[in-house]
């Protein structure tokens, strides 16, 4: 896997003098043909759910454990993702 910067640091104008630090890691996924190419992923330490692009999800080996929907700010059914 190629060397990846494992964090980004930047300022947010709305937060005055505070730096924002975004943690990242390198990940690979198992596919039917072996391992995927390496990807750079953001680590969200407060998230209970990881979201992957559908194109990646369709190409990796996975098993469904449970049906679950995720929502953004709106709890409307049409705003959910399965």
PDB file of N, CA and C in Angstrom:
ATOM      1  N   UNK A   1       0.847  -1.175   0.000  1.00  0.00           N
ATOM      2  CA  UNK A   1       0.000   0.000   0.000  1.00  0.00           C
ATOM      3  C   UNK A   1       0.891   1.236   0.000  1.00  0.00           C
ATOM      4  N   UNK A   2       0.534   2.184  -0.809  1.00  0.00           N
ATOM      5  CA  UNK A   2       1.292   3.431  -0.885  1.00  0.00           C
ATOM      6  C   UNK A   2       1.163   4.198   0.423  1.00  0.00           C
ATOM      7  N   UNK A   3       2.180   4.954   0.736  1.00  0.00           N
ATOM      8  CA  UNK A   3       2.177   5.771   1.952  1.00  0.00           C
ATOM      9  C   UNK A   3       1.078   6.829   1.860  1.00  0.00           C
ATOM     10  N   UNK A   4       0.310   6.939   2.922  1.00  0.00           N
ATOM     11  CA  UNK A   4      -0.808   7.873   2.970  1.00  0.00           C
ATOM     12  C   UNK A   4      -0.572   8.838   4.125  1.00  0.00           C
ATOM     13  N   UNK A   5      -0.904  10.120   3.952  1.00  0.00           N
ATOM     14  CA  UNK A   5      -0.920  11.017   5.106  1.00  0.00           C
ATOM     15  C   UNK A   5      -2.045  10.547   6.010  1.00  0.00           C
ATOM     16  N   UNK A   6      -1.752  10.322   7.277  1.00  0.00           N
ATOM     17  CA  UNK A   6      -2.759   9.753   8.158  1.00  0.00           C
ATOM     18  C   UNK A   6      -3.579  10.796   8.908  1.00  0.00           C
ATOM     19  N   UNK A   7      -3.348  12.057   8.594  1.00  0.00           N
ATOM     20  CA  UNK A   7      -4.223  13.092   9.120  1.00  0.00           C
ATOM     21  C   UNK A   7      -4.114  14.350   8.250  1.00  0.00           C
ATOM     22  N   UNK A   8      -5.166  15.128   8.244  1.00  0.00           N
ATOM     23  CA  UNK A   8      -5.179  16.456   7.633  1.00  0.00           C
ATOM     24  C   UNK A   8      -5.439  17.441   8.760  1.00  0.00           C
ATOM     25  N   UNK A   9      -4.827  18.579   8.694  1.00  0.00           N
ATOM     26  CA  UNK A   9      -5.062  19.627   9.675  1.00  0.00           C
ATOM     27  C   UNK A   9      -5.377  20.915   8.918  1.00  0.00           C
ATOM     28  N   UNK A  10      -6.483  21.545   9.290  1.00  0.00           N
ATOM     29  CA  UNK A  10      -6.868  22.774   8.618  1.00  0.00           C
ATOM     30  C   UNK A  10      -7.692  23.635   9.564  1.00  0.00           C
ATOM     31  N   UNK A  11      -7.813  24.903   9.242  1.00  0.00           N
ATOM     32  CA  UNK A  11      -8.593  25.839  10.058  1.00  0.00           C
ATOM     33  C   UNK A  11      -9.993  25.988   9.480  1.00  0.00           C
ATOM     34  N   UNK A  12     -10.943  26.163  10.363  1.00  0.00           N
ATOM     35  CA  UNK A  12     -12.313  26.449   9.977  1.00  0.00           C
ATOM     36  C   UNK A  12     -12.601  27.869  10.452  1.00  0.00           C
ATOM     37  N   UNK A  13     -12.921  28.751   9.517  1.00  0.00           N
ATOM     38  CA  UNK A  13     -13.146  30.163   9.842  1.00  0.00           C
ATOM     39  C   UNK A  13     -14.188  30.350  10.950  1.00  0.00           C
ATOM     40  N   UNK A  14     -15.189  29.483  10.993  1.00  0.00           N
ATOM     41  CA  UNK A  14     -16.249  29.640  11.988  1.00  0.00           C
ATOM     42  C   UNK A  14     -15.803  29.224  13.389  1.00  0.00           C
ATOM     43  N   UNK A  15     -14.647  28.550  13.499  1.00  0.00           N
ATOM     44  CA  UNK A  15     -14.165  28.099  14.805  1.00  0.00           C
ATOM     45  C   UNK A  15     -12.974  28.897  15.300  1.00  0.00           C
ATOM     46  N   UNK A  16     -12.798  30.065  14.756  1.00  0.00           N
ATOM     47  CA  UNK A  16     -11.765  30.985  15.227  1.00  0.00           C
ATOM     48  C   UNK A  16     -10.375  30.397  15.042  1.00  0.00           C
ATOM     49  N   UNK A  17      -9.635  30.233  16.128  1.00  0.00           N
ATOM     50  CA  UNK A  17      -8.237  29.803  16.050  1.00  0.00           C
ATOM     51  C   UNK A  17      -8.036  28.290  16.162  1.00  0.00           C
ATOM     52  N   UNK A  18      -9.096  27.521  16.180  1.00  0.00           N
ATOM     53  CA  UNK A  18      -8.966  26.077  16.370  1.00  0.00           C
ATOM     54  C   UNK A  18      -8.635  25.366  15.058  1.00  0.00           C
ATOM     55  N   UNK A  19      -7.777  24.367  15.156  1.00  0.00           N
ATOM     56  CA  UNK A  19      -7.481  23.517  14.000  1.00  0.00           C
ATOM     57  C   UNK A  19      -8.435  22.336  13.979  1.00  0.00           C
ATOM     58  N   UNK A  20      -8.838  21.927  12.804  1.00  0.00           N
ATOM     59  CA  UNK A  20      -9.603  20.700  12.609  1.00  0.00           C
ATOM     60  C   UNK A  20      -8.597  19.629  12.208  1.00  0.00           C
ATOM     61  N   UNK A  21      -8.664  18.469  12.853  1.00  0.00           N
ATOM     62  CA  UNK A  21      -7.784  17.361  12.494  1.00  0.00           C
ATOM     63  C   UNK A  21      -8.664  16.220  12.014  1.00  0.00           C
ATOM     64  N   UNK A  22      -8.423  15.754  10.804  1.00  0.00           N
ATOM     65  CA  UNK A  22      -9.174  14.649  10.220  1.00  0.00           C
ATOM     66  C   UNK A  22      -8.256  13.428  10.166  1.00  0.00           C
ATOM     67  N   UNK A  23      -8.603  12.388  10.934  1.00  0.00           N
ATOM     68  CA  UNK A  23      -7.814  11.156  10.951  1.00  0.00           C
ATOM     69  C   UNK A  23      -8.165  10.294   9.750  1.00  0.00           C
ATOM     70  N   UNK A  24      -7.156   9.671   9.156  1.00  0.00           N
ATOM     71  CA  UNK A  24      -7.367   8.793   8.000  1.00  0.00           C
ATOM     72  C   UNK A  24      -6.571   7.500   8.188  1.00  0.00           C
ATOM     73  N   UNK A  25      -6.954   6.488   7.437  1.00  0.00           N
ATOM     74  CA  UNK A  25      -6.200   5.234   7.429  1.00  0.00           C
ATOM     75  C   UNK A  25      -6.283   4.618   6.032  1.00  0.00           C
ATOM     76  N   UNK A  26      -5.434   3.662   5.765  1.00  0.00           N
ATOM     77  CA  UNK A  26      -5.486   2.911   4.522  1.00  0.00           C
ATOM     78  C   UNK A  26      -6.312   1.657   4.731  1.00  0.00           C
ATOM     79  N   UNK A  27      -7.216   1.363   3.801  1.00  0.00           N
ATOM     80  CA  UNK A  27      -8.055   0.159   3.911  1.00  0.00           C
ATOM     81  C   UNK A  27      -8.087  -0.592   2.584  1.00  0.00           C
ATOM     82  N   UNK A  28      -8.269  -1.888   2.683  1.00  0.00           N
ATOM     83  CA  UNK A  28      -8.514  -2.737   1.518  1.00  0.00           C
ATOM     84  C   UNK A  28      -9.660  -3.662   1.861  1.00  0.00           C
ATOM     85  N   UNK A  29     -10.376  -4.129   0.838  1.00  0.00           N
ATOM     86  CA  UNK A  29     -11.539  -4.979   1.042  1.00  0.00           C
ATOM     87  C   UNK A  29     -11.376  -6.277   0.271  1.00  0.00           C
ATOM     88  N   UNK A  30     -11.942  -7.348   0.830  1.00  0.00           N
ATOM     89  CA  UNK A  30     -11.894  -8.640   0.159  1.00  0.00           C
ATOM     90  C   UNK A  30     -12.942  -8.665  -0.948  1.00  0.00           C
ATOM     91  N   UNK A  31     -12.529  -9.128  -2.119  1.00  0.00           N
ATOM     92  CA  UNK A  31     -13.439  -9.278  -3.254  1.00  0.00           C
ATOM     93  C   UNK A  31     -13.423 -10.742  -3.675  1.00  0.00           C
ATOM     94  N   UNK A  32     -14.237 -11.094  -4.639  1.00  0.00           N
ATOM     95  CA  UNK A  32     -14.252 -12.476  -5.131  1.00  0.00           C
ATOM     96  C   UNK A  32     -12.959 -12.815  -5.875  1.00  0.00           C
ATOM     97  N   UNK A  33     -12.205 -11.800  -6.257  1.00  0.00           N
ATOM     98  CA  UNK A  33     -10.955 -12.011  -7.003  1.00  0.00           C
ATOM     99  C   UNK A  33      -9.706 -11.734  -6.166  1.00  0.00           C
ATOM    100  N   UNK A  34      -9.847 -11.585  -4.853  1.00  0.00           N
ATOM    101  CA  UNK A  34      -8.706 -11.284  -3.986  1.00  0.00           C
ATOM    102  C   UNK A  34      -8.971 -10.021  -3.195  1.00  0.00           C
ATOM    103  N   UNK A  35      -7.969  -9.153  -3.106  1.00  0.00           N
ATOM    104  CA  UNK A  35      -8.104  -7.913  -2.346  1.00  0.00           C
ATOM    105  C   UNK A  35      -8.253  -6.725  -3.285  1.00  0.00           C
ATOM    106  N   UNK A  36      -9.010  -5.753  -2.847  1.00  0.00           N
ATOM    107  CA  UNK A  36      -9.228  -4.537  -3.635  1.00  0.00           C
ATOM    108  C   UNK A  36      -7.965  -3.688  -3.632  1.00  0.00           C
ATOM    109  N   UNK A  37      -7.998  -2.659  -4.448  1.00  0.00           N
ATOM    110  CA  UNK A  37      -6.930  -1.669  -4.406  1.00  0.00           C
ATOM    111  C   UNK A  37      -7.003  -0.960  -3.055  1.00  0.00           C
ATOM    112  N   UNK A  38      -5.919  -0.359  -2.591  1.00  0.00           N
ATOM    113  CA  UNK A  38      -5.973   0.391  -1.330  1.00  0.00           C
ATOM    114  C   UNK A  38      -6.751   1.698  -1.488  1.00  0.00           C
ATOM    115  N   UNK A  39      -7.482   2.039  -0.455  1.00  0.00           N
ATOM    116  CA  UNK A  39      -8.242   3.288  -0.408  1.00  0.00           C
ATOM    117  C   UNK A  39      -7.824   4.075   0.824  1.00  0.00           C
ATOM    118  N   UNK A  40      -7.941   5.378   0.746  1.00  0.00           N
ATOM    119  CA  UNK A  40      -7.743   6.236   1.901  1.00  0.00           C
ATOM    120  C   UNK A  40      -9.116   6.489   2.511  1.00  0.00           C
ATOM    121  N   UNK A  41      -9.272   6.210   3.806  1.00  0.00           N
ATOM    122  CA  UNK A  41     -10.571   6.352   4.461  1.00  0.00           C
ATOM    123  C   UNK A  41     -10.469   7.319   5.635  1.00  0.00           C
ATOM    124  N   UNK A  42     -11.515   8.094   5.844  1.00  0.00           N
ATOM    125  CA  UNK A  42     -11.593   8.997   6.987  1.00  0.00           C
ATOM    126  C   UNK A  42     -12.113   8.202   8.182  1.00  0.00           C
ATOM    127  N   UNK A  43     -11.463   8.353   9.327  1.00  0.00           N
ATOM    128  CA  UNK A  43     -11.896   7.689  10.555  1.00  0.00           C
ATOM    129  C   UNK A  43     -12.786   8.652  11.330  1.00  0.00           C
ATOM    130  N   UNK A  44     -14.049   8.314  11.473  1.00  0.00           N
ATOM    131  CA  UNK A  44     -14.973   9.130  12.258  1.00  0.00           C
ATOM    132  C   UNK A  44     -15.190   8.412  13.582  1.00  0.00           C
ATOM    133  N   UNK A  45     -14.484   8.854  14.611  1.00  0.00           N
ATOM    134  CA  UNK A  45     -14.514   8.164  15.900  1.00  0.00           C
ATOM    135  C   UNK A  45     -15.868   8.264  16.603  1.00  0.00           C
ATOM    136  N   UNK A  46     -16.737   9.149  16.144  1.00  0.00           N
ATOM    137  CA  UNK A  46     -18.050   9.287  16.759  1.00  0.00           C
ATOM    138  C   UNK A  46     -19.165   8.607  15.990  1.00  0.00           C
ATOM    139  N   UNK A  47     -18.848   8.005  14.852  1.00  0.00           N
ATOM    140  CA  UNK A  47     -19.887   7.397  14.006  1.00  0.00           C
ATOM    141  C   UNK A  47     -20.132   5.940  14.411  1.00  0.00           C
ATOM    142  N   UNK A  48     -21.387   5.538  14.451  1.00  0.00           N
ATOM    143  CA  UNK A  48     -21.717   4.139  14.724  1.00  0.00           C
ATOM    144  C   UNK A  48     -21.902   3.349  13.442  1.00  0.00           C
ATOM    145  N   UNK A  49     -21.894   4.024  12.304  1.00  0.00           N
ATOM    146  CA  UNK A  49     -22.096   3.374  11.014  1.00  0.00           C
ATOM    147  C   UNK A  49     -21.071   3.896  10.016  1.00  0.00           C
ATOM    148  N   UNK A  50     -20.479   2.988   9.267  1.00  0.00           N
ATOM    149  CA  UNK A  50     -19.573   3.384   8.189  1.00  0.00           C
ATOM    150  C   UNK A  50     -20.343   3.346   6.880  1.00  0.00           C
ATOM    151  N   UNK A  51     -20.106   4.322   6.035  1.00  0.00           N
ATOM    152  CA  UNK A  51     -20.802   4.406   4.757  1.00  0.00           C
ATOM    153  C   UNK A  51     -19.779   4.257   3.640  1.00  0.00           C
ATOM    154  N   UNK A  52     -20.057   3.333   2.721  1.00  0.00           N
ATOM    155  CA  UNK A  52     -19.183   3.086   1.577  1.00  0.00           C
ATOM    156  C   UNK A  52     -19.923   3.465   0.296  1.00  0.00           C
ATOM    157  N   UNK A  53     -19.210   3.880  -0.728  1.00  0.00           N
ATOM    158  CA  UNK A  53     -19.864   4.123  -2.016  1.00  0.00           C
ATOM    159  C   UNK A  53     -20.505   2.833  -2.541  1.00  0.00           C
ATOM    160  N   UNK A  54     -21.663   2.935  -3.146  1.00  0.00           N
ATOM    161  CA  UNK A  54     -22.375   1.761  -3.647  1.00  0.00           C
ATOM    162  C   UNK A  54     -21.526   0.977  -4.642  1.00  0.00           C
ATOM    163  N   UNK A  55     -20.773   1.665  -5.488  1.00  0.00           N
ATOM    164  CA  UNK A  55     -19.934   0.960  -6.473  1.00  0.00           C
ATOM    165  C   UNK A  55     -18.897   0.071  -5.780  1.00  0.00           C
ATOM    166  N   UNK A  56     -18.353   0.512  -4.668  1.00  0.00           N
ATOM    167  CA  UNK A  56     -17.411  -0.307  -3.903  1.00  0.00           C
ATOM    168  C   UNK A  56     -18.140  -1.439  -3.199  1.00  0.00           C
ATOM    169  N   UNK A  57     -19.266  -1.131  -2.580  1.00  0.00           N
ATOM    170  CA  UNK A  57     -20.042  -2.137  -1.845  1.00  0.00           C
ATOM    171  C   UNK A  57     -20.426  -3.317  -2.743  1.00  0.00           C
ATOM    172  N   UNK A  58     -20.800  -3.030  -3.996  1.00  0.00           N
ATOM    173  CA  UNK A  58     -21.213  -4.092  -4.913  1.00  0.00           C
ATOM    174  C   UNK A  58     -20.054  -5.011  -5.300  1.00  0.00           C
ATOM    175  N   UNK A  59     -18.823  -4.520  -5.207  1.00  0.00           N
ATOM    176  CA  UNK A  59     -17.682  -5.320  -5.652  1.00  0.00           C
ATOM    177  C   UNK A  59     -16.985  -6.093  -4.530  1.00  0.00           C
ATOM    178  N   UNK A  60     -17.350  -5.846  -3.260  1.00  0.00           N
ATOM    179  CA  UNK A  60     -16.656  -6.520  -2.162  1.00  0.00           C
ATOM    180  C   UNK A  60     -17.464  -7.695  -1.631  1.00  0.00           C
ATOM    181  N   UNK A  61     -16.775  -8.600  -0.974  1.00  0.00           N
ATOM    182  CA  UNK A  61     -17.416  -9.746  -0.348  1.00  0.00           C
ATOM    183  C   UNK A  61     -17.977  -9.299   0.994  1.00  0.00           C
ATOM    184  N   UNK A  62     -19.269  -9.527   1.222  1.00  0.00           N
ATOM    185  CA  UNK A  62     -19.893  -9.136   2.480  1.00  0.00           C
ATOM    186  C   UNK A  62     -21.084 -10.039   2.750  1.00  0.00           C
ATOM    187  N   UNK A  63     -21.525 -10.011   3.981  1.00  0.00           N
ATOM    188  CA  UNK A  63     -22.742 -10.743   4.330  1.00  0.00           C
ATOM    189  C   UNK A  63     -23.644  -9.823   5.131  1.00  0.00           C
ATOM    190  N   UNK A  64     -24.929  -9.925   4.890  1.00  0.00           N
ATOM    191  CA  UNK A  64     -25.893  -9.069   5.571  1.00  0.00           C
ATOM    192  C   UNK A  64     -26.154  -9.629   6.959  1.00  0.00           C
ATOM    193  N   UNK A  65     -25.993  -8.800   7.965  1.00  0.00           N
ATOM    194  CA  UNK A  65     -26.252  -9.203   9.342  1.00  0.00           C
ATOM    195  C   UNK A  65     -27.651  -8.777   9.754  1.00  0.00           C
ATOM    196  N   UNK A  66     -28.042  -7.578   9.345  1.00  0.00           N
ATOM    197  CA  UNK A  66     -29.336  -7.036   9.744  1.00  0.00           C
ATOM    198  C   UNK A  66     -29.743  -5.934   8.779  1.00  0.00           C
ATOM    199  N   UNK A  67     -31.043  -5.769   8.561  1.00  0.00           N
ATOM    200  CA  UNK A  67     -31.541  -4.626   7.799  1.00  0.00           C
ATOM    201  C   UNK A  67     -31.452  -3.394   8.681  1.00  0.00           C
ATOM    202  N   UNK A  68     -31.007  -2.291   8.093  1.00  0.00           N
ATOM    203  CA  UNK A  68     -30.826  -1.064   8.865  1.00  0.00           C
ATOM    204  C   UNK A  68     -30.934   0.113   7.918  1.00  0.00           C
ATOM    205  N   UNK A  69     -31.515   1.182   8.362  1.00  0.00           N
ATOM    206  CA  UNK A  69     -31.610   2.400   7.560  1.00  0.00           C
ATOM    207  C   UNK A  69     -30.853   3.509   8.273  1.00  0.00           C
ATOM    208  N   UNK A  70     -30.198   4.333   7.480  1.00  0.00           N
ATOM    209  CA  UNK A  70     -29.546   5.498   8.062  1.00  0.00           C
ATOM    210  C   UNK A  70     -30.263   6.750   7.569  1.00  0.00           C
ATOM    211  N   UNK A  71     -30.261   7.761   8.404  1.00  0.00           N
ATOM    212  CA  UNK A  71     -30.931   9.018   8.110  1.00  0.00           C
ATOM    213  C   UNK A  71     -29.956  10.165   8.321  1.00  0.00           C
ATOM    214  N   UNK A  72     -30.227  11.264   7.676  1.00  0.00           N
ATOM    215  CA  UNK A  72     -29.489  12.494   7.928  1.00  0.00           C
ATOM    216  C   UNK A  72     -30.266  13.307   8.950  1.00  0.00           C
ATOM    217  N   UNK A  73     -30.433  14.570   8.687  1.00  0.00           N
ATOM    218  CA  UNK A  73     -31.164  15.431   9.612  1.00  0.00           C
ATOM    219  C   UNK A  73     -32.662  15.163   9.581  1.00  0.00           C
ATOM    220  N   UNK A  74     -33.155  14.685   8.450  1.00  0.00           N
ATOM    221  CA  UNK A  74     -34.583  14.418   8.308  1.00  0.00           C
ATOM    222  C   UNK A  74     -34.873  12.941   8.535  1.00  0.00           C
ATOM    223  N   UNK A  75     -35.904  12.655   9.305  1.00  0.00           N
ATOM    224  CA  UNK A  75     -36.308  11.268   9.561  1.00  0.00           C
ATOM    225  C   UNK A  75     -37.371  10.782   8.570  1.00  0.00           C
ATOM    226  N   UNK A  76     -37.599  11.550   7.501  1.00  0.00           N
ATOM    227  CA  UNK A  76     -38.573  11.137   6.500  1.00  0.00           C
ATOM    228  C   UNK A  76     -38.081   9.882   5.793  1.00  0.00           C
ATOM    229  N   UNK A  77     -39.015   8.983   5.505  1.00  0.00           N
ATOM    230  CA  UNK A  77     -38.665   7.715   4.855  1.00  0.00           C
ATOM    231  C   UNK A  77     -37.936   7.932   3.521  1.00  0.00           C
ATOM    232  N   UNK A  78     -38.364   8.931   2.754  1.00  0.00           N
ATOM    233  CA  UNK A  78     -37.737   9.176   1.454  1.00  0.00           C
ATOM    234  C   UNK A  78     -36.317   9.730   1.571  1.00  0.00           C
ATOM    235  N   UNK A  79     -35.901  10.088   2.771  1.00  0.00           N
ATOM    236  CA  UNK A  79     -34.542  10.609   2.993  1.00  0.00           C
ATOM    237  C   UNK A  79     -33.613   9.549   3.591  1.00  0.00           C
ATOM    238  N   UNK A  80     -34.068   8.314   3.665  1.00  0.00           N
ATOM    239  CA  UNK A  80     -33.259   7.253   4.283  1.00  0.00           C
ATOM    240  C   UNK A  80     -32.468   6.481   3.238  1.00  0.00           C
ATOM    241  N   UNK A  81     -31.428   5.795   3.704  1.00  0.00           N
ATOM    242  CA  UNK A  81     -30.639   4.868   2.886  1.00  0.00           C
ATOM    243  C   UNK A  81     -30.729   3.493   3.512  1.00  0.00           C
ATOM    244  N   UNK A  82     -30.981   2.478   2.692  1.00  0.00           N
ATOM    245  CA  UNK A  82     -31.009   1.110   3.222  1.00  0.00           C
ATOM    246  C   UNK A  82     -29.607   0.612   3.428  1.00  0.00           C
TER     247      UNK A  82
END
